[in-house]
Amino acid sequence: MKELIEIIAKSLVKNPDQVSVTAVNDKGVTVYELRVAPEDMGKVIGKQGRIAKALRTVVKAAATRTNERIMVEIV
């Protein structure tokens, strides 16, 4: 799942080398924290959060196939 988030984020930003994803387990839920360069934050979030919402939807769909509970936070 981490690789999926990284691939999608790296394709959106100007500085793909500054994209990092860390996984944190919290009470049965895996939280993936996506970090990007400050100047790329707007590209990852998108207008009115549309790209962020789409990213979360794709990850949630992939997690459903493996019966995992996953959240994506953009930090």
PDB file of N, CA and C in Angstrom:
ATOM      1  N   MET A   1       0.828  -1.192   0.000  1.00  0.00           N
ATOM      2  CA  MET A   1       0.000   0.000   0.000  1.00  0.00           C
ATOM      3  C   MET A   1       0.871   1.253   0.000  1.00  0.00           C
ATOM      4  N   LYS A   2       1.964   1.191   0.754  1.00  0.00           N
ATOM      5  CA  LYS A   2       2.888   2.320   0.826  1.00  0.00           C
ATOM      6  C   LYS A   2       3.424   2.665  -0.560  1.00  0.00           C
ATOM      7  N   GLU A   3       3.755   1.652  -1.331  1.00  0.00           N
ATOM      8  CA  GLU A   3       4.289   1.872  -2.673  1.00  0.00           C
ATOM      9  C   GLU A   3       3.254   2.524  -3.581  1.00  0.00           C
ATOM     10  N   LEU A   4       2.008   2.120  -3.446  1.00  0.00           N
ATOM     11  CA  LEU A   4       0.925   2.697  -4.250  1.00  0.00           C
ATOM     12  C   LEU A   4       0.802   4.193  -3.982  1.00  0.00           C
ATOM     13  N   ILE A   5       0.830   4.582  -2.718  1.00  0.00           N
ATOM     14  CA  ILE A   5       0.717   5.988  -2.356  1.00  0.00           C
ATOM     15  C   ILE A   5       1.916   6.767  -2.893  1.00  0.00           C
ATOM     16  N   GLU A   6       3.113   6.195  -2.769  1.00  0.00           N
ATOM     17  CA  GLU A   6       4.321   6.862  -3.257  1.00  0.00           C
ATOM     18  C   GLU A   6       4.278   7.071  -4.769  1.00  0.00           C
ATOM     19  N   ILE A   7       3.870   6.059  -5.506  1.00  0.00           N
ATOM     20  CA  ILE A   7       3.828   6.155  -6.970  1.00  0.00           C
ATOM     21  C   ILE A   7       2.857   7.249  -7.406  1.00  0.00           C
ATOM     22  N   ILE A   8       1.685   7.287  -6.799  1.00  0.00           N
ATOM     23  CA  ILE A   8       0.692   8.287  -7.170  1.00  0.00           C
ATOM     24  C   ILE A   8       1.198   9.687  -6.821  1.00  0.00           C
ATOM     25  N   ALA A   9       1.743   9.846  -5.624  1.00  0.00           N
ATOM     26  CA  ALA A   9       2.214  11.164  -5.190  1.00  0.00           C
ATOM     27  C   ALA A   9       3.394  11.642  -6.032  1.00  0.00           C
ATOM     28  N   LYS A  10       4.323  10.755  -6.339  1.00  0.00           N
ATOM     29  CA  LYS A  10       5.488  11.145  -7.129  1.00  0.00           C
ATOM     30  C   LYS A  10       5.104  11.580  -8.538  1.00  0.00           C
ATOM     31  N   SER A  11       4.024  11.030  -9.069  1.00  0.00           N
ATOM     32  CA  SER A  11       3.596  11.428 -10.405  1.00  0.00           C
ATOM     33  C   SER A  11       2.927  12.799 -10.418  1.00  0.00           C
ATOM     34  N   LEU A  12       2.525  13.290  -9.257  1.00  0.00           N
ATOM     35  CA  LEU A  12       1.831  14.573  -9.168  1.00  0.00           C
ATOM     36  C   LEU A  12       2.748  15.757  -8.904  1.00  0.00           C
ATOM     37  N   VAL A  13       3.880  15.542  -8.259  1.00  0.00           N
ATOM     38  CA  VAL A  13       4.689  16.647  -7.752  1.00  0.00           C
ATOM     39  C   VAL A  13       5.880  16.974  -8.643  1.00  0.00           C
ATOM     40  N   LYS A  14       6.475  18.165  -8.412  1.00  0.00           N
ATOM     41  CA  LYS A  14       7.675  18.574  -9.141  1.00  0.00           C
ATOM     42  C   LYS A  14       8.935  17.986  -8.520  1.00  0.00           C
ATOM     43  N   ASN A  15       8.919  17.736  -7.222  1.00  0.00           N
ATOM     44  CA  ASN A  15      10.071  17.214  -6.496  1.00  0.00           C
ATOM     45  C   ASN A  15       9.777  15.799  -5.982  1.00  0.00           C
ATOM     46  N   PRO A  16       9.827  14.795  -6.848  1.00  0.00           N
ATOM     47  CA  PRO A  16       9.475  13.442  -6.410  1.00  0.00           C
ATOM     48  C   PRO A  16      10.448  12.851  -5.399  1.00  0.00           C
ATOM     49  N   ASP A  17      11.665  13.380  -5.331  1.00  0.00           N
ATOM     50  CA  ASP A  17      12.631  12.861  -4.370  1.00  0.00           C
ATOM     51  C   ASP A  17      12.298  13.269  -2.938  1.00  0.00           C
ATOM     52  N   GLN A  18      11.421  14.255  -2.750  1.00  0.00           N
ATOM     53  CA  GLN A  18      11.039  14.688  -1.407  1.00  0.00           C
ATOM     54  C   GLN A  18       9.729  14.065  -0.928  1.00  0.00           C
ATOM     55  N   VAL A  19       9.205  13.106  -1.668  1.00  0.00           N
ATOM     56  CA  VAL A  19       7.981  12.410  -1.266  1.00  0.00           C
ATOM     57  C   VAL A  19       8.367  11.277  -0.316  1.00  0.00           C
ATOM     58  N   SER A  20       7.702  11.225   0.833  1.00  0.00           N
ATOM     59  CA  SER A  20       7.927  10.116   1.757  1.00  0.00           C
ATOM     60  C   SER A  20       6.603   9.685   2.365  1.00  0.00           C
ATOM     61  N   VAL A  21       6.496   8.407   2.608  1.00  0.00           N
ATOM     62  CA  VAL A  21       5.291   7.833   3.205  1.00  0.00           C
ATOM     63  C   VAL A  21       5.721   6.998   4.401  1.00  0.00           C
ATOM     64  N   THR A  22       5.117   7.262   5.549  1.00  0.00           N
ATOM     65  CA  THR A  22       5.393   6.471   6.735  1.00  0.00           C
ATOM     66  C   THR A  22       4.097   5.849   7.227  1.00  0.00           C
ATOM     67  N   ALA A  23       4.201   4.630   7.723  1.00  0.00           N
ATOM     68  CA  ALA A  23       3.033   3.905   8.224  1.00  0.00           C
ATOM     69  C   ALA A  23       3.055   3.905   9.744  1.00  0.00           C
ATOM     70  N   VAL A  24       1.902   4.208  10.346  1.00  0.00           N
ATOM     71  CA  VAL A  24       1.747   4.195  11.793  1.00  0.00           C
ATOM     72  C   VAL A  24       0.520   3.354  12.114  1.00  0.00           C
ATOM     73  N   ASN A  25       0.692   2.341  12.961  1.00  0.00           N
ATOM     74  CA  ASN A  25      -0.442   1.509  13.367  1.00  0.00           C
ATOM     75  C   ASN A  25      -1.063   2.086  14.628  1.00  0.00           C
ATOM     76  N   ASP A  26      -2.385   2.267  14.603  1.00  0.00           N
ATOM     77  CA  ASP A  26      -3.084   2.849  15.738  1.00  0.00           C
ATOM     78  C   ASP A  26      -4.415   2.141  15.927  1.00  0.00           C
ATOM     79  N   LYS A  27      -4.497   1.252  16.893  1.00  0.00           N
ATOM     80  CA  LYS A  27      -5.735   0.554  17.259  1.00  0.00           C
ATOM     81  C   LYS A  27      -6.393  -0.147  16.072  1.00  0.00           C
ATOM     82  N   GLY A  28      -5.626  -0.916  15.338  1.00  0.00           N
ATOM     83  CA  GLY A  28      -6.181  -1.681  14.230  1.00  0.00           C
ATOM     84  C   GLY A  28      -6.314  -0.925  12.928  1.00  0.00           C
ATOM     85  N   VAL A  29      -5.947   0.334  12.922  1.00  0.00           N
ATOM     86  CA  VAL A  29      -6.012   1.151  11.717  1.00  0.00           C
ATOM     87  C   VAL A  29      -4.586   1.560  11.339  1.00  0.00           C
ATOM     88  N   THR A  30      -4.232   1.349  10.093  1.00  0.00           N
ATOM     89  CA  THR A  30      -2.934   1.780   9.613  1.00  0.00           C
ATOM     90  C   THR A  30      -3.088   3.167   9.002  1.00  0.00           C
ATOM     91  N   VAL A  31      -2.343   4.122   9.555  1.00  0.00           N
ATOM     92  CA  VAL A  31      -2.386   5.493   9.070  1.00  0.00           C
ATOM     93  C   VAL A  31      -1.113   5.736   8.271  1.00  0.00           C
ATOM     94  N   TYR A  32      -1.269   6.100   7.003  1.00  0.00           N
ATOM     95  CA  TYR A  32      -0.133   6.428   6.151  1.00  0.00           C
ATOM     96  C   TYR A  32      -0.008   7.947   6.103  1.00  0.00           C
ATOM     97  N   GLU A  33       1.159   8.437   6.517  1.00  0.00           N
ATOM     98  CA  GLU A  33       1.415   9.871   6.504  1.00  0.00           C
ATOM     99  C   GLU A  33       2.223  10.207   5.263  1.00  0.00           C
ATOM    100  N   LEU A  34       1.646  11.007   4.389  1.00  0.00           N
ATOM    101  CA  LEU A  34       2.289  11.414   3.148  1.00  0.00           C
ATOM    102  C   LEU A  34       2.913  12.786   3.342  1.00  0.00           C
ATOM    103  N   ARG A  35       4.218  12.875   3.109  1.00  0.00           N
ATOM    104  CA  ARG A  35       4.934  14.141   3.233  1.00  0.00           C
ATOM    105  C   ARG A  35       5.504  14.516   1.875  1.00  0.00           C
ATOM    106  N   VAL A  36       5.287  15.774   1.493  1.00  0.00           N
ATOM    107  CA  VAL A  36       5.817  16.292   0.232  1.00  0.00           C
ATOM    108  C   VAL A  36       6.468  17.646   0.511  1.00  0.00           C
ATOM    109  N   ALA A  37       7.179  18.170  -0.475  1.00  0.00           N
ATOM    110  CA  ALA A  37       7.784  19.497  -0.344  1.00  0.00           C
ATOM    111  C   ALA A  37       6.675  20.539  -0.184  1.00  0.00           C
ATOM    112  N   PRO A  38       6.941  21.599   0.574  1.00  0.00           N
ATOM    113  CA  PRO A  38       5.898  22.624   0.796  1.00  0.00           C
ATOM    114  C   PRO A  38       5.333  23.211  -0.497  1.00  0.00           C
ATOM    115  N   GLU A  39       6.163  23.383  -1.514  1.00  0.00           N
ATOM    116  CA  GLU A  39       5.657  23.956  -2.764  1.00  0.00           C
ATOM    117  C   GLU A  39       4.804  22.973  -3.562  1.00  0.00           C
ATOM    118  N   ASP A  40       4.852  21.692  -3.219  1.00  0.00           N
ATOM    119  CA  ASP A  40       4.049  20.682  -3.906  1.00  0.00           C
ATOM    120  C   ASP A  40       2.766  20.329  -3.165  1.00  0.00           C
ATOM    121  N   MET A  41       2.569  20.904  -1.994  1.00  0.00           N
ATOM    122  CA  MET A  41       1.408  20.567  -1.175  1.00  0.00           C
ATOM    123  C   MET A  41       0.098  20.833  -1.925  1.00  0.00           C
ATOM    124  N   GLY A  42       0.014  21.934  -2.629  1.00  0.00           N
ATOM    125  CA  GLY A  42      -1.205  22.275  -3.363  1.00  0.00           C
ATOM    126  C   GLY A  42      -1.517  21.297  -4.473  1.00  0.00           C
ATOM    127  N   LYS A  43      -0.477  20.744  -5.097  1.00  0.00           N
ATOM    128  CA  LYS A  43      -0.699  19.781  -6.172  1.00  0.00           C
ATOM    129  C   LYS A  43      -1.231  18.464  -5.642  1.00  0.00           C
ATOM    130  N   VAL A  44      -0.811  18.085  -4.451  1.00  0.00           N
ATOM    131  CA  VAL A  44      -1.277  16.829  -3.864  1.00  0.00           C
ATOM    132  C   VAL A  44      -2.691  16.976  -3.323  1.00  0.00           C
ATOM    133  N   ILE A  45      -3.011  18.144  -2.789  1.00  0.00           N
ATOM    134  CA  ILE A  45      -4.353  18.367  -2.245  1.00  0.00           C
ATOM    135  C   ILE A  45      -5.346  18.658  -3.364  1.00  0.00           C
ATOM    136  N   GLY A  46      -4.972  19.496  -4.321  1.00  0.00           N
ATOM    137  CA  GLY A  46      -5.856  19.813  -5.436  1.00  0.00           C
ATOM    138  C   GLY A  46      -6.879  20.864  -5.083  1.00  0.00           C
ATOM    139  N   LYS A  47      -7.615  21.296  -6.079  1.00  0.00           N
ATOM    140  CA  LYS A  47      -8.654  22.297  -5.854  1.00  0.00           C
ATOM    141  C   LYS A  47      -9.767  21.693  -5.015  1.00  0.00           C
ATOM    142  N   GLN A  48     -10.069  22.354  -3.925  1.00  0.00           N
ATOM    143  CA  GLN A  48     -11.103  21.928  -2.981  1.00  0.00           C
ATOM    144  C   GLN A  48     -10.877  20.502  -2.492  1.00  0.00           C
ATOM    145  N   GLY A  49      -9.628  20.040  -2.482  1.00  0.00           N
ATOM    146  CA  GLY A  49      -9.296  18.729  -1.947  1.00  0.00           C
ATOM    147  C   GLY A  49      -9.665  17.565  -2.833  1.00  0.00           C
ATOM    148  N   ARG A  50      -9.900  17.807  -4.101  1.00  0.00           N
ATOM    149  CA  ARG A  50     -10.361  16.737  -4.991  1.00  0.00           C
ATOM    150  C   ARG A  50      -9.308  15.662  -5.218  1.00  0.00           C
ATOM    151  N   ILE A  51      -8.043  16.061  -5.398  1.00  0.00           N
ATOM    152  CA  ILE A  51      -6.999  15.062  -5.652  1.00  0.00           C
ATOM    153  C   ILE A  51      -6.744  14.250  -4.386  1.00  0.00           C
ATOM    154  N   ALA A  52      -6.737  14.901  -3.232  1.00  0.00           N
ATOM    155  CA  ALA A  52      -6.552  14.195  -1.971  1.00  0.00           C
ATOM    156  C   ALA A  52      -7.686  13.186  -1.746  1.00  0.00           C
ATOM    157  N   LYS A  53      -8.888  13.594  -2.056  1.00  0.00           N
ATOM    158  CA  LYS A  53     -10.038  12.702  -1.899  1.00  0.00           C
ATOM    159  C   LYS A  53      -9.938  11.514  -2.851  1.00  0.00           C
ATOM    160  N   ALA A  54      -9.499  11.766  -4.079  1.00  0.00           N
ATOM    161  CA  ALA A  54      -9.343  10.679  -5.054  1.00  0.00           C
ATOM    162  C   ALA A  54      -8.245   9.715  -4.618  1.00  0.00           C
ATOM    163  N   LEU A  55      -7.152  10.243  -4.083  1.00  0.00           N
ATOM    164  CA  LEU A  55      -6.069   9.407  -3.584  1.00  0.00           C
ATOM    165  C   LEU A  55      -6.565   8.514  -2.450  1.00  0.00           C
ATOM    166  N   ARG A  56      -7.308   9.084  -1.541  1.00  0.00           N
ATOM    167  CA  ARG A  56      -7.852   8.304  -0.423  1.00  0.00           C
ATOM    168  C   ARG A  56      -8.834   7.242  -0.915  1.00  0.00           C
ATOM    169  N   THR A  57      -9.616   7.559  -1.931  1.00  0.00           N
ATOM    170  CA  THR A  57     -10.571   6.606  -2.477  1.00  0.00           C
ATOM    171  C   THR A  57      -9.863   5.415  -3.109  1.00  0.00           C
ATOM    172  N   VAL A  58      -8.813   5.672  -3.870  1.00  0.00           N
ATOM    173  CA  VAL A  58      -8.049   4.589  -4.512  1.00  0.00           C
ATOM    174  C   VAL A  58      -7.410   3.696  -3.458  1.00  0.00           C
ATOM    175  N   VAL A  59      -6.822   4.302  -2.447  1.00  0.00           N
ATOM    176  CA  VAL A  59      -6.163   3.521  -1.389  1.00  0.00           C
ATOM    177  C   VAL A  59      -7.186   2.722  -0.596  1.00  0.00           C
ATOM    178  N   LYS A  60      -8.328   3.321  -0.321  1.00  0.00           N
ATOM    179  CA  LYS A  60      -9.369   2.609   0.418  1.00  0.00           C
ATOM    180  C   LYS A  60      -9.905   1.420  -0.386  1.00  0.00           C
ATOM    181  N   ALA A  61     -10.023   1.592  -1.701  1.00  0.00           N
ATOM    182  CA  ALA A  61     -10.481   0.493  -2.551  1.00  0.00           C
ATOM    183  C   ALA A  61      -9.467  -0.649  -2.560  1.00  0.00           C
ATOM    184  N   ALA A  62      -8.185  -0.299  -2.610  1.00  0.00           N
ATOM    185  CA  ALA A  62      -7.144  -1.324  -2.571  1.00  0.00           C
ATOM    186  C   ALA A  62      -7.113  -2.015  -1.212  1.00  0.00           C
ATOM    187  N   ALA A  63      -7.368  -1.277  -0.149  1.00  0.00           N
ATOM    188  CA  ALA A  63      -7.367  -1.852   1.195  1.00  0.00           C
ATOM    189  C   ALA A  63      -8.549  -2.784   1.408  1.00  0.00           C
ATOM    190  N   THR A  64      -9.643  -2.514   0.758  1.00  0.00           N
ATOM    191  CA  THR A  64     -10.827  -3.356   0.877  1.00  0.00           C
ATOM    192  C   THR A  64     -10.554  -4.771   0.366  1.00  0.00           C
ATOM    193  N   ARG A  65      -9.726  -4.861  -0.656  1.00  0.00           N
ATOM    194  CA  ARG A  65      -9.396  -6.173  -1.217  1.00  0.00           C
ATOM    195  C   ARG A  65      -8.596  -7.023  -0.227  1.00  0.00           C
ATOM    196  N   THR A  66      -7.837  -6.374   0.660  1.00  0.00           N
ATOM    197  CA  THR A  66      -7.015  -7.103   1.624  1.00  0.00           C
ATOM    198  C   THR A  66      -7.591  -7.062   3.037  1.00  0.00           C
ATOM    199  N   ASN A  67      -8.809  -6.559   3.179  1.00  0.00           N
ATOM    200  CA  ASN A  67      -9.497  -6.460   4.466  1.00  0.00           C
ATOM    201  C   ASN A  67      -8.685  -5.684   5.507  1.00  0.00           C
ATOM    202  N   GLU A  68      -8.117  -4.565   5.106  1.00  0.00           N
ATOM    203  CA  GLU A  68      -7.367  -3.697   6.007  1.00  0.00           C
ATOM    204  C   GLU A  68      -8.151  -2.417   6.244  1.00  0.00           C
ATOM    205  N   ARG A  69      -7.881  -1.783   7.370  1.00  0.00           N
ATOM    206  CA  ARG A  69      -8.448  -0.463   7.658  1.00  0.00           C
ATOM    207  C   ARG A  69      -7.315   0.532   7.518  1.00  0.00           C
ATOM    208  N   ILE A  70      -7.449   1.442   6.550  1.00  0.00           N
ATOM    209  CA  ILE A  70      -6.354   2.349   6.213  1.00  0.00           C
ATOM    210  C   ILE A  70      -6.873   3.772   6.114  1.00  0.00           C
ATOM    211  N   MET A  71      -6.032   4.706   6.569  1.00  0.00           N
ATOM    212  CA  MET A  71      -6.291   6.130   6.417  1.00  0.00           C
ATOM    213  C   MET A  71      -5.060   6.766   5.792  1.00  0.00           C
ATOM    214  N   VAL A  72      -5.243   7.815   5.017  1.00  0.00           N
ATOM    215  CA  VAL A  72      -4.132   8.558   4.423  1.00  0.00           C
ATOM    216  C   VAL A  72      -4.224   9.993   4.936  1.00  0.00           C
ATOM    217  N   GLU A  73      -3.129  10.446   5.544  1.00  0.00           N
ATOM    218  CA  GLU A  73      -3.050  11.825   6.007  1.00  0.00           C
ATOM    219  C   GLU A  73      -1.945  12.526   5.234  1.00  0.00           C
ATOM    220  N   ILE A  74      -2.224  13.719   4.764  1.00  0.00           N
ATOM    221  CA  ILE A  74      -1.234  14.519   4.066  1.00  0.00           C
ATOM    222  C   ILE A  74      -0.676  15.520   5.073  1.00  0.00           C
ATOM    223  N   VAL A  75       0.598  15.358   5.379  1.00  0.00           N
ATOM    224  CA  VAL A  75       1.220  16.159   6.439  1.00  0.00           C
ATOM    225  C   VAL A  75       2.123  17.196   5.830  1.00  0.00           C
TER     226      VAL A  75
END
